[in-house]
mmCIF file of all heavy atoms, coordinates in Angstrom:
data_MODEL
# 
_entry.id   MODEL 
# 
loop_
_atom_site.group_PDB 
_atom_site.id 
_atom_site.type_symbol 
_atom_site.label_atom_id 
_atom_site.label_alt_id 
_atom_site.label_comp_id 
_atom_site.label_asym_id 
_atom_site.label_entity_id 
_atom_site.label_seq_id 
_atom_site.pdbx_PDB_ins_code 
_atom_site.Cartn_x 
_atom_site.Cartn_y 
_atom_site.Cartn_z 
_atom_site.occupancy 
_atom_site.B_iso_or_equiv 
_atom_site.pdbx_formal_charge 
_atom_site.auth_seq_id 
_atom_site.auth_comp_id 
_atom_site.auth_asym_id 
_atom_site.auth_atom_id 
_atom_site.pdbx_PDB_model_num 
ATOM 1   N N   . ILE A 1 1  ? 17.330 23.839 -11.279 1.00 0.00 ? 1  ILE A N   1 
ATOM 2   C CA  . ILE A 1 1  ? 16.014 23.317 -11.431 1.00 0.00 ? 1  ILE A CA  1 
ATOM 3   C C   . ILE A 1 1  ? 15.958 21.891 -11.271 1.00 0.00 ? 1  ILE A C   1 
ATOM 4   O O   . ILE A 1 1  ? 15.099 21.399 -10.522 1.00 0.00 ? 1  ILE A O   1 
ATOM 5   C CB  . ILE A 1 1  ? 15.397 23.778 -12.832 1.00 0.00 ? 1  ILE A CB  1 
ATOM 6   C CG1 . ILE A 1 1  ? 15.319 25.211 -12.953 1.00 0.00 ? 1  ILE A CG1 1 
ATOM 7   C CG2 . ILE A 1 1  ? 14.051 23.102 -13.001 1.00 0.00 ? 1  ILE A CG2 1 
ATOM 8   C CD1 . ILE A 1 1  ? 14.268 25.962 -11.979 1.00 0.00 ? 1  ILE A CD1 1 
ATOM 9   N N   . PHE A 1 2  ? 16.980 21.215 -11.811 1.00 0.00 ? 2  PHE A N   1 
ATOM 10  C CA  . PHE A 1 2  ? 16.937 19.687 -11.635 1.00 0.00 ? 2  PHE A CA  1 
ATOM 11  C C   . PHE A 1 2  ? 17.076 19.366 -10.196 1.00 0.00 ? 2  PHE A C   1 
ATOM 12  O O   . PHE A 1 2  ? 16.365 18.459 -9.703  1.00 0.00 ? 2  PHE A O   1 
ATOM 13  C CB  . PHE A 1 2  ? 18.306 19.152 -12.474 1.00 0.00 ? 2  PHE A CB  1 
ATOM 14  C CG  . PHE A 1 2  ? 18.562 17.716 -12.045 1.00 0.00 ? 2  PHE A CG  1 
ATOM 15  C CD1 . PHE A 1 2  ? 17.827 16.653 -12.661 1.00 0.00 ? 2  PHE A CD1 1 
ATOM 16  C CD2 . PHE A 1 2  ? 19.543 17.467 -11.078 1.00 0.00 ? 2  PHE A CD2 1 
ATOM 17  C CE1 . PHE A 1 2  ? 18.065 15.357 -12.324 1.00 0.00 ? 2  PHE A CE1 1 
ATOM 18  C CE2 . PHE A 1 2  ? 19.767 16.155 -10.826 1.00 0.00 ? 2  PHE A CE2 1 
ATOM 19  C CZ  . PHE A 1 2  ? 19.089 14.983 -11.343 1.00 0.00 ? 2  PHE A CZ  1 
ATOM 20  N N   . TRP A 1 3  ? 18.022 19.986 -9.400  1.00 0.00 ? 3  TRP A N   1 
ATOM 21  C CA  . TRP A 1 3  ? 18.139 19.671 -7.971  1.00 0.00 ? 3  TRP A CA  1 
ATOM 22  C C   . TRP A 1 3  ? 16.898 20.051 -7.233  1.00 0.00 ? 3  TRP A C   1 
ATOM 23  O O   . TRP A 1 3  ? 16.532 19.314 -6.226  1.00 0.00 ? 3  TRP A O   1 
ATOM 24  C CB  . TRP A 1 3  ? 19.423 20.316 -7.393  1.00 0.00 ? 3  TRP A CB  1 
ATOM 25  C CG  . TRP A 1 3  ? 20.638 19.509 -7.883  1.00 0.00 ? 3  TRP A CG  1 
ATOM 26  C CD1 . TRP A 1 3  ? 21.576 19.844 -8.720  1.00 0.00 ? 3  TRP A CD1 1 
ATOM 27  C CD2 . TRP A 1 3  ? 20.907 18.144 -7.456  1.00 0.00 ? 3  TRP A CD2 1 
ATOM 28  N NE1 . TRP A 1 3  ? 22.470 18.909 -8.895  1.00 0.00 ? 3  TRP A NE1 1 
ATOM 29  C CE2 . TRP A 1 3  ? 22.105 17.757 -8.113  1.00 0.00 ? 3  TRP A CE2 1 
ATOM 30  C CE3 . TRP A 1 3  ? 20.263 17.219 -6.613  1.00 0.00 ? 3  TRP A CE3 1 
ATOM 31  C CZ2 . TRP A 1 3  ? 22.751 16.507 -7.987  1.00 0.00 ? 3  TRP A CZ2 1 
ATOM 32  C CZ3 . TRP A 1 3  ? 20.892 16.001 -6.494  1.00 0.00 ? 3  TRP A CZ3 1 
ATOM 33  C CH2 . TRP A 1 3  ? 22.021 15.633 -7.209  1.00 0.00 ? 3  TRP A CH2 1 
ATOM 34  N N   . MET A 1 4  ? 16.291 21.249 -7.586  1.00 0.00 ? 4  MET A N   1 
ATOM 35  C CA  . MET A 1 4  ? 15.048 21.541 -6.807  1.00 0.00 ? 4  MET A CA  1 
ATOM 36  C C   . MET A 1 4  ? 13.893 20.494 -7.067  1.00 0.00 ? 4  MET A C   1 
ATOM 37  O O   . MET A 1 4  ? 13.204 20.151 -6.176  1.00 0.00 ? 4  MET A O   1 
ATOM 38  C CB  . MET A 1 4  ? 14.516 22.956 -7.255  1.00 0.00 ? 4  MET A CB  1 
ATOM 39  C CG  . MET A 1 4  ? 15.359 24.022 -6.832  1.00 0.00 ? 4  MET A CG  1 
ATOM 40  S SD  . MET A 1 4  ? 14.732 25.581 -7.343  1.00 0.00 ? 4  MET A SD  1 
ATOM 41  C CE  . MET A 1 4  ? 13.371 25.873 -6.214  1.00 0.00 ? 4  MET A CE  1 
ATOM 42  N N   . VAL A 1 5  ? 13.781 20.022 -8.295  1.00 0.00 ? 5  VAL A N   1 
ATOM 43  C CA  . VAL A 1 5  ? 12.824 18.961 -8.564  1.00 0.00 ? 5  VAL A CA  1 
ATOM 44  C C   . VAL A 1 5  ? 13.158 17.621 -7.853  1.00 0.00 ? 5  VAL A C   1 
ATOM 45  O O   . VAL A 1 5  ? 12.346 17.006 -7.216  1.00 0.00 ? 5  VAL A O   1 
ATOM 46  C CB  . VAL A 1 5  ? 12.611 18.762 -10.000 1.00 0.00 ? 5  VAL A CB  1 
ATOM 47  C CG1 . VAL A 1 5  ? 11.784 17.582 -10.432 1.00 0.00 ? 5  VAL A CG1 1 
ATOM 48  C CG2 . VAL A 1 5  ? 12.098 20.020 -10.748 1.00 0.00 ? 5  VAL A CG2 1 
ATOM 49  N N   . THR A 1 6  ? 14.492 17.298 -7.840  1.00 0.00 ? 6  THR A N   1 
ATOM 50  C CA  . THR A 1 6  ? 14.841 16.072 -7.171  1.00 0.00 ? 6  THR A CA  1 
ATOM 51  C C   . THR A 1 6  ? 14.571 16.149 -5.718  1.00 0.00 ? 6  THR A C   1 
ATOM 52  O O   . THR A 1 6  ? 14.095 15.239 -5.229  1.00 0.00 ? 6  THR A O   1 
ATOM 53  C CB  . THR A 1 6  ? 16.409 15.877 -7.442  1.00 0.00 ? 6  THR A CB  1 
ATOM 54  O OG1 . THR A 1 6  ? 16.609 15.762 -8.923  1.00 0.00 ? 6  THR A OG1 1 
ATOM 55  C CG2 . THR A 1 6  ? 16.976 14.587 -6.804  1.00 0.00 ? 6  THR A CG2 1 
ATOM 56  N N   . ILE A 1 7  ? 14.956 17.318 -5.109  1.00 0.00 ? 7  ILE A N   1 
ATOM 57  C CA  . ILE A 1 7  ? 14.729 17.388 -3.687  1.00 0.00 ? 7  ILE A CA  1 
ATOM 58  C C   . ILE A 1 7  ? 13.203 17.436 -3.390  1.00 0.00 ? 7  ILE A C   1 
ATOM 59  O O   . ILE A 1 7  ? 12.742 16.711 -2.414  1.00 0.00 ? 7  ILE A O   1 
ATOM 60  C CB  . ILE A 1 7  ? 15.367 18.666 -3.088  1.00 0.00 ? 7  ILE A CB  1 
ATOM 61  C CG1 . ILE A 1 7  ? 16.864 18.518 -3.194  1.00 0.00 ? 7  ILE A CG1 1 
ATOM 62  C CG2 . ILE A 1 7  ? 14.888 19.114 -1.718  1.00 0.00 ? 7  ILE A CG2 1 
ATOM 63  C CD1 . ILE A 1 7  ? 17.673 19.851 -3.044  1.00 0.00 ? 7  ILE A CD1 1 
ATOM 64  N N   . HIS A 1 8  ? 12.467 18.118 -4.148  1.00 0.00 ? 8  HIS A N   1 
ATOM 65  C CA  . HIS A 1 8  ? 10.950 18.092 -4.068  1.00 0.00 ? 8  HIS A CA  1 
ATOM 66  C C   . HIS A 1 8  ? 10.412 16.607 -4.120  1.00 0.00 ? 8  HIS A C   1 
ATOM 67  O O   . HIS A 1 8  ? 9.667  16.150 -3.299  1.00 0.00 ? 8  HIS A O   1 
ATOM 68  C CB  . HIS A 1 8  ? 10.250 18.963 -5.047  1.00 0.00 ? 8  HIS A CB  1 
ATOM 69  C CG  . HIS A 1 8  ? 8.800  19.039 -4.898  1.00 0.00 ? 8  HIS A CG  1 
ATOM 70  N ND1 . HIS A 1 8  ? 8.198  19.621 -3.855  1.00 0.00 ? 8  HIS A ND1 1 
ATOM 71  C CD2 . HIS A 1 8  ? 7.854  18.548 -5.641  1.00 0.00 ? 8  HIS A CD2 1 
ATOM 72  C CE1 . HIS A 1 8  ? 6.880  19.515 -3.960  1.00 0.00 ? 8  HIS A CE1 1 
ATOM 73  N NE2 . HIS A 1 8  ? 6.627  18.814 -5.048  1.00 0.00 ? 8  HIS A NE2 1 
ATOM 74  N N   . LEU A 1 9  ? 10.849 15.938 -5.104  1.00 0.00 ? 9  LEU A N   1 
ATOM 75  C CA  . LEU A 1 9  ? 10.332 14.557 -5.269  1.00 0.00 ? 9  LEU A CA  1 
ATOM 76  C C   . LEU A 1 9  ? 10.762 13.631 -4.105  1.00 0.00 ? 9  LEU A C   1 
ATOM 77  O O   . LEU A 1 9  ? 10.033 12.771 -3.588  1.00 0.00 ? 9  LEU A O   1 
ATOM 78  C CB  . LEU A 1 9  ? 10.857 13.937 -6.552  1.00 0.00 ? 9  LEU A CB  1 
ATOM 79  C CG  . LEU A 1 9  ? 10.125 14.590 -7.790  1.00 0.00 ? 9  LEU A CG  1 
ATOM 80  C CD1 . LEU A 1 9  ? 10.712 14.026 -9.097  1.00 0.00 ? 9  LEU A CD1 1 
ATOM 81  C CD2 . LEU A 1 9  ? 8.649  14.280 -7.774  1.00 0.00 ? 9  LEU A CD2 1 
ATOM 82  N N   . THR A 1 10 ? 12.050 13.970 -3.620  1.00 0.00 ? 10 THR A N   1 
ATOM 83  C CA  . THR A 1 10 ? 12.452 13.157 -2.436  1.00 0.00 ? 10 THR A CA  1 
ATOM 84  C C   . THR A 1 10 ? 11.521 13.498 -1.216  1.00 0.00 ? 10 THR A C   1 
ATOM 85  O O   . THR A 1 10 ? 11.173 12.550 -0.501  1.00 0.00 ? 10 THR A O   1 
ATOM 86  C CB  . THR A 1 10 ? 13.888 13.609 -2.063  1.00 0.00 ? 10 THR A CB  1 
ATOM 87  O OG1 . THR A 1 10 ? 14.738 13.309 -3.149  1.00 0.00 ? 10 THR A OG1 1 
ATOM 88  C CG2 . THR A 1 10 ? 14.452 12.783 -0.787  1.00 0.00 ? 10 THR A CG2 1 
ATOM 89  N N   . PHE A 1 11 ? 11.111 14.685 -1.019  1.00 0.00 ? 11 PHE A N   1 
ATOM 90  C CA  . PHE A 1 11 ? 10.123 15.026 0.082   1.00 0.00 ? 11 PHE A CA  1 
ATOM 91  C C   . PHE A 1 11 ? 8.819  14.316 -0.195  1.00 0.00 ? 11 PHE A C   1 
ATOM 92  O O   . PHE A 1 11 ? 8.213  13.792 0.749   1.00 0.00 ? 11 PHE A O   1 
ATOM 93  C CB  . PHE A 1 11 ? 9.828  16.498 0.166   1.00 0.00 ? 11 PHE A CB  1 
ATOM 94  C CG  . PHE A 1 11 ? 11.126 17.327 0.727   1.00 0.00 ? 11 PHE A CG  1 
ATOM 95  C CD1 . PHE A 1 11 ? 11.338 18.587 0.258   1.00 0.00 ? 11 PHE A CD1 1 
ATOM 96  C CD2 . PHE A 1 11 ? 11.908 16.809 1.723   1.00 0.00 ? 11 PHE A CD2 1 
ATOM 97  C CE1 . PHE A 1 11 ? 12.424 19.351 0.711   1.00 0.00 ? 11 PHE A CE1 1 
ATOM 98  C CE2 . PHE A 1 11 ? 12.979 17.526 2.188   1.00 0.00 ? 11 PHE A CE2 1 
ATOM 99  C CZ  . PHE A 1 11 ? 13.225 18.798 1.662   1.00 0.00 ? 11 PHE A CZ  1 
ATOM 100 N N   . VAL A 1 12 ? 8.380  14.389 -1.446  1.00 0.00 ? 12 VAL A N   1 
ATOM 101 C CA  . VAL A 1 12 ? 7.058  13.630 -1.722  1.00 0.00 ? 12 VAL A CA  1 
ATOM 102 C C   . VAL A 1 12 ? 7.084  12.087 -1.473  1.00 0.00 ? 12 VAL A C   1 
ATOM 103 O O   . VAL A 1 12 ? 6.306  11.548 -0.821  1.00 0.00 ? 12 VAL A O   1 
ATOM 104 C CB  . VAL A 1 12 ? 6.645  13.958 -3.157  1.00 0.00 ? 12 VAL A CB  1 
ATOM 105 C CG1 . VAL A 1 12 ? 5.486  13.100 -3.679  1.00 0.00 ? 12 VAL A CG1 1 
ATOM 106 C CG2 . VAL A 1 12 ? 6.400  15.347 -3.429  1.00 0.00 ? 12 VAL A CG2 1 
ATOM 107 N N   . VAL A 1 13 ? 8.236  11.553 -1.887  1.00 0.00 ? 13 VAL A N   1 
ATOM 108 C CA  . VAL A 1 13 ? 8.413  10.043 -1.713  1.00 0.00 ? 13 VAL A CA  1 
ATOM 109 C C   . VAL A 1 13 ? 8.563  9.775  -0.289  1.00 0.00 ? 13 VAL A C   1 
ATOM 110 O O   . VAL A 1 13 ? 7.972  8.851  0.267   1.00 0.00 ? 13 VAL A O   1 
ATOM 111 C CB  . VAL A 1 13 ? 9.617  9.495  -2.484  1.00 0.00 ? 13 VAL A CB  1 
ATOM 112 C CG1 . VAL A 1 13 ? 9.881  8.060  -2.138  1.00 0.00 ? 13 VAL A CG1 1 
ATOM 113 C CG2 . VAL A 1 13 ? 9.284  9.543  -4.034  1.00 0.00 ? 13 VAL A CG2 1 
ATOM 114 N N   . SER A 1 14 ? 9.315  10.586 0.433   1.00 0.00 ? 14 SER A N   1 
ATOM 115 C CA  . SER A 1 14 ? 9.387  10.459 1.984   1.00 0.00 ? 14 SER A CA  1 
ATOM 116 C C   . SER A 1 14 ? 7.997  10.479 2.597   1.00 0.00 ? 14 SER A C   1 
ATOM 117 O O   . SER A 1 14 ? 7.746  9.637  3.491   1.00 0.00 ? 14 SER A O   1 
ATOM 118 C CB  . SER A 1 14 ? 10.314 11.457 2.504   1.00 0.00 ? 14 SER A CB  1 
ATOM 119 O OG  . SER A 1 14 ? 11.706 11.327 2.089   1.00 0.00 ? 14 SER A OG  1 
ATOM 120 N N   . GLY A 1 15 ? 7.292  11.511 2.168   1.00 0.00 ? 15 GLY A N   1 
ATOM 121 C CA  . GLY A 1 15 ? 5.820  11.597 2.822   1.00 0.00 ? 15 GLY A CA  1 
ATOM 122 C C   . GLY A 1 15 ? 5.019  10.362 2.486   1.00 0.00 ? 15 GLY A C   1 
ATOM 123 O O   . GLY A 1 15 ? 4.312  9.865  3.469   1.00 0.00 ? 15 GLY A O   1 
ATOM 124 N N   . VAL A 1 16 ? 5.096  9.880  1.348   1.00 0.00 ? 16 VAL A N   1 
ATOM 125 C CA  . VAL A 1 16 ? 4.267  8.757  0.996   1.00 0.00 ? 16 VAL A CA  1 
ATOM 126 C C   . VAL A 1 16 ? 4.765  7.512  1.753   1.00 0.00 ? 16 VAL A C   1 
ATOM 127 O O   . VAL A 1 16 ? 3.977  6.636  2.342   1.00 0.00 ? 16 VAL A O   1 
ATOM 128 C CB  . VAL A 1 16 ? 4.343  8.490  -0.501  1.00 0.00 ? 16 VAL A CB  1 
ATOM 129 C CG1 . VAL A 1 16 ? 3.828  7.040  -0.960  1.00 0.00 ? 16 VAL A CG1 1 
ATOM 130 C CG2 . VAL A 1 16 ? 3.629  9.580  -1.288  1.00 0.00 ? 16 VAL A CG2 1 
ATOM 131 N N   . LEU A 1 17 ? 6.099  7.389  1.901   1.00 0.00 ? 17 LEU A N   1 
ATOM 132 C CA  . LEU A 1 17 ? 6.591  6.196  2.708   1.00 0.00 ? 17 LEU A CA  1 
ATOM 133 C C   . LEU A 1 17 ? 6.296  6.320  4.098   1.00 0.00 ? 17 LEU A C   1 
ATOM 134 O O   . LEU A 1 17 ? 5.971  5.372  4.758   1.00 0.00 ? 17 LEU A O   1 
ATOM 135 C CB  . LEU A 1 17 ? 8.121  6.154  2.477   1.00 0.00 ? 17 LEU A CB  1 
ATOM 136 C CG  . LEU A 1 17 ? 8.554  5.617  1.035   1.00 0.00 ? 17 LEU A CG  1 
ATOM 137 C CD1 . LEU A 1 17 ? 10.087 5.660  0.886   1.00 0.00 ? 17 LEU A CD1 1 
ATOM 138 C CD2 . LEU A 1 17 ? 8.047  4.283  0.708   1.00 0.00 ? 17 LEU A CD2 1 
ATOM 139 N N   . LEU A 1 18 ? 6.325  7.535  4.672   1.00 0.00 ? 18 LEU A N   1 
ATOM 140 C CA  . LEU A 1 18 ? 5.913  7.739  6.124   1.00 0.00 ? 18 LEU A CA  1 
ATOM 141 C C   . LEU A 1 18 ? 4.398  7.362  6.261   1.00 0.00 ? 18 LEU A C   1 
ATOM 142 O O   . LEU A 1 18 ? 4.112  6.670  7.158   1.00 0.00 ? 18 LEU A O   1 
ATOM 143 C CB  . LEU A 1 18 ? 6.109  9.149  6.503   1.00 0.00 ? 18 LEU A CB  1 
ATOM 144 C CG  . LEU A 1 18 ? 7.587  9.480  7.092   1.00 0.00 ? 18 LEU A CG  1 
ATOM 145 C CD1 . LEU A 1 18 ? 7.795  11.040 7.257   1.00 0.00 ? 18 LEU A CD1 1 
ATOM 146 C CD2 . LEU A 1 18 ? 7.952  8.730  8.313   1.00 0.00 ? 18 LEU A CD2 1 
ATOM 147 N N   . ALA A 1 19 ? 3.573  7.767  5.392   1.00 0.00 ? 19 ALA A N   1 
ATOM 148 C CA  . ALA A 1 19 ? 2.158  7.529  5.516   1.00 0.00 ? 19 ALA A CA  1 
ATOM 149 C C   . ALA A 1 19 ? 1.870  5.991  5.376   1.00 0.00 ? 19 ALA A C   1 
ATOM 150 O O   . ALA A 1 19 ? 1.116  5.455  6.111   1.00 0.00 ? 19 ALA A O   1 
ATOM 151 C CB  . ALA A 1 19 ? 1.438  8.282  4.451   1.00 0.00 ? 19 ALA A CB  1 
ATOM 152 N N   . ALA A 1 20 ? 2.612  5.383  4.449   1.00 0.00 ? 20 ALA A N   1 
ATOM 153 C CA  . ALA A 1 20 ? 2.494  3.944  4.246   1.00 0.00 ? 20 ALA A CA  1 
ATOM 154 C C   . ALA A 1 20 ? 2.986  3.181  5.522   1.00 0.00 ? 20 ALA A C   1 
ATOM 155 O O   . ALA A 1 20 ? 2.262  2.311  5.974   1.00 0.00 ? 20 ALA A O   1 
ATOM 156 C CB  . ALA A 1 20 ? 3.334  3.563  3.053   1.00 0.00 ? 20 ALA A CB  1 
ATOM 157 N N   . MET A 1 21 ? 4.075  3.626  6.093   1.00 0.00 ? 21 MET A N   1 
ATOM 158 C CA  . MET A 1 21 ? 4.519  2.920  7.355   1.00 0.00 ? 21 MET A CA  1 
ATOM 159 C C   . MET A 1 21 ? 3.531  3.183  8.473   1.00 0.00 ? 21 MET A C   1 
ATOM 160 O O   . MET A 1 21 ? 3.244  2.233  9.233   1.00 0.00 ? 21 MET A O   1 
ATOM 161 C CB  . MET A 1 21 ? 5.941  3.483  7.794   1.00 0.00 ? 21 MET A CB  1 
ATOM 162 C CG  . MET A 1 21 ? 7.024  3.075  6.886   1.00 0.00 ? 21 MET A CG  1 
ATOM 163 S SD  . MET A 1 21 ? 8.676  3.439  7.310   1.00 0.00 ? 21 MET A SD  1 
ATOM 164 C CE  . MET A 1 21 ? 8.567  5.265  7.437   1.00 0.00 ? 21 MET A CE  1 
ATOM 165 N N   . ASP A 1 22 ? 2.958  4.327  8.588   1.00 0.00 ? 22 ASP A N   1 
ATOM 166 C CA  . ASP A 1 22 ? 1.917  4.552  9.684   1.00 0.00 ? 22 ASP A CA  1 
ATOM 167 C C   . ASP A 1 22 ? 0.728  3.748  9.439   1.00 0.00 ? 22 ASP A C   1 
ATOM 168 O O   . ASP A 1 22 ? 0.100  3.153  10.305  1.00 0.00 ? 22 ASP A O   1 
ATOM 169 C CB  . ASP A 1 22 ? 1.599  6.001  9.714   1.00 0.00 ? 22 ASP A CB  1 
ATOM 170 C CG  . ASP A 1 22 ? 2.634  6.876  10.530  1.00 0.00 ? 22 ASP A CG  1 
ATOM 171 O OD1 . ASP A 1 22 ? 3.562  6.259  11.129  1.00 0.00 ? 22 ASP A OD1 1 
ATOM 172 O OD2 . ASP A 1 22 ? 2.546  8.108  10.404  1.00 0.00 ? 22 ASP A OD2 1 
ATOM 173 N N   . TRP A 1 23 ? 0.286  3.680  8.070   1.00 0.00 ? 23 TRP A N   1 
ATOM 174 C CA  . TRP A 1 23 ? -0.896 2.823  7.764   1.00 0.00 ? 23 TRP A CA  1 
ATOM 175 C C   . TRP A 1 23 ? -0.588 1.335  8.090   1.00 0.00 ? 23 TRP A C   1 
ATOM 176 O O   . TRP A 1 23 ? -1.490 0.684  8.689   1.00 0.00 ? 23 TRP A O   1 
ATOM 177 C CB  . TRP A 1 23 ? -1.161 3.033  6.344   1.00 0.00 ? 23 TRP A CB  1 
ATOM 178 C CG  . TRP A 1 23 ? -2.351 2.130  5.946   1.00 0.00 ? 23 TRP A CG  1 
ATOM 179 C CD1 . TRP A 1 23 ? -3.663 2.477  6.114   1.00 0.00 ? 23 TRP A CD1 1 
ATOM 180 C CD2 . TRP A 1 23 ? -2.420 0.907  5.219   1.00 0.00 ? 23 TRP A CD2 1 
ATOM 181 N NE1 . TRP A 1 23 ? -4.528 1.566  5.622   1.00 0.00 ? 23 TRP A NE1 1 
ATOM 182 C CE2 . TRP A 1 23 ? -3.706 0.569  4.976   1.00 0.00 ? 23 TRP A CE2 1 
ATOM 183 C CE3 . TRP A 1 23 ? -1.339 0.145  4.709   1.00 0.00 ? 23 TRP A CE3 1 
ATOM 184 C CZ2 . TRP A 1 23 ? -4.037 -0.580 4.366   1.00 0.00 ? 23 TRP A CZ2 1 
ATOM 185 C CZ3 . TRP A 1 23 ? -1.719 -1.067 4.168   1.00 0.00 ? 23 TRP A CZ3 1 
ATOM 186 C CH2 . TRP A 1 23 ? -3.076 -1.417 3.924   1.00 0.00 ? 23 TRP A CH2 1 
ATOM 187 N N   . ILE A 1 24 ? 0.631  0.824  7.711   1.00 0.00 ? 24 ILE A N   1 
ATOM 188 C CA  . ILE A 1 24 ? 0.903  -0.539 8.137   1.00 0.00 ? 24 ILE A CA  1 
ATOM 189 C C   . ILE A 1 24 ? 0.940  -0.741 9.581   1.00 0.00 ? 24 ILE A C   1 
ATOM 190 O O   . ILE A 1 24 ? 0.456  -1.799 10.140  1.00 0.00 ? 24 ILE A O   1 
ATOM 191 C CB  . ILE A 1 24 ? 2.311  -0.987 7.392   1.00 0.00 ? 24 ILE A CB  1 
ATOM 192 C CG1 . ILE A 1 24 ? 2.197  -0.975 5.886   1.00 0.00 ? 24 ILE A CG1 1 
ATOM 193 C CG2 . ILE A 1 24 ? 2.816  -2.339 7.974   1.00 0.00 ? 24 ILE A CG2 1 
ATOM 194 C CD1 . ILE A 1 24 ? 3.464  -1.094 5.115   1.00 0.00 ? 24 ILE A CD1 1 
ATOM 195 N N   . THR A 1 25 ? 1.511  0.147  10.290  1.00 0.00 ? 25 THR A N   1 
ATOM 196 C CA  . THR A 1 25 ? 1.644  -0.018 11.731  1.00 0.00 ? 25 THR A CA  1 
ATOM 197 C C   . THR A 1 25 ? 0.144  0.014  12.431  1.00 0.00 ? 25 THR A C   1 
ATOM 198 O O   . THR A 1 25 ? -0.107 -0.785 13.278  1.00 0.00 ? 25 THR A O   1 
ATOM 199 C CB  . THR A 1 25 ? 2.401  1.221  12.347  1.00 0.00 ? 25 THR A CB  1 
ATOM 200 O OG1 . THR A 1 25 ? 3.830  1.203  11.789  1.00 0.00 ? 25 THR A OG1 1 
ATOM 201 C CG2 . THR A 1 25 ? 2.549  1.093  13.831  1.00 0.00 ? 25 THR A CG2 1 
# 
């Protein structure tokens, strides 16, 4: 469960960072 949550949060943070980079661009 810990690793599933960690991986999920990694995907969420990656998505937010990609969206932020696209917005900045």
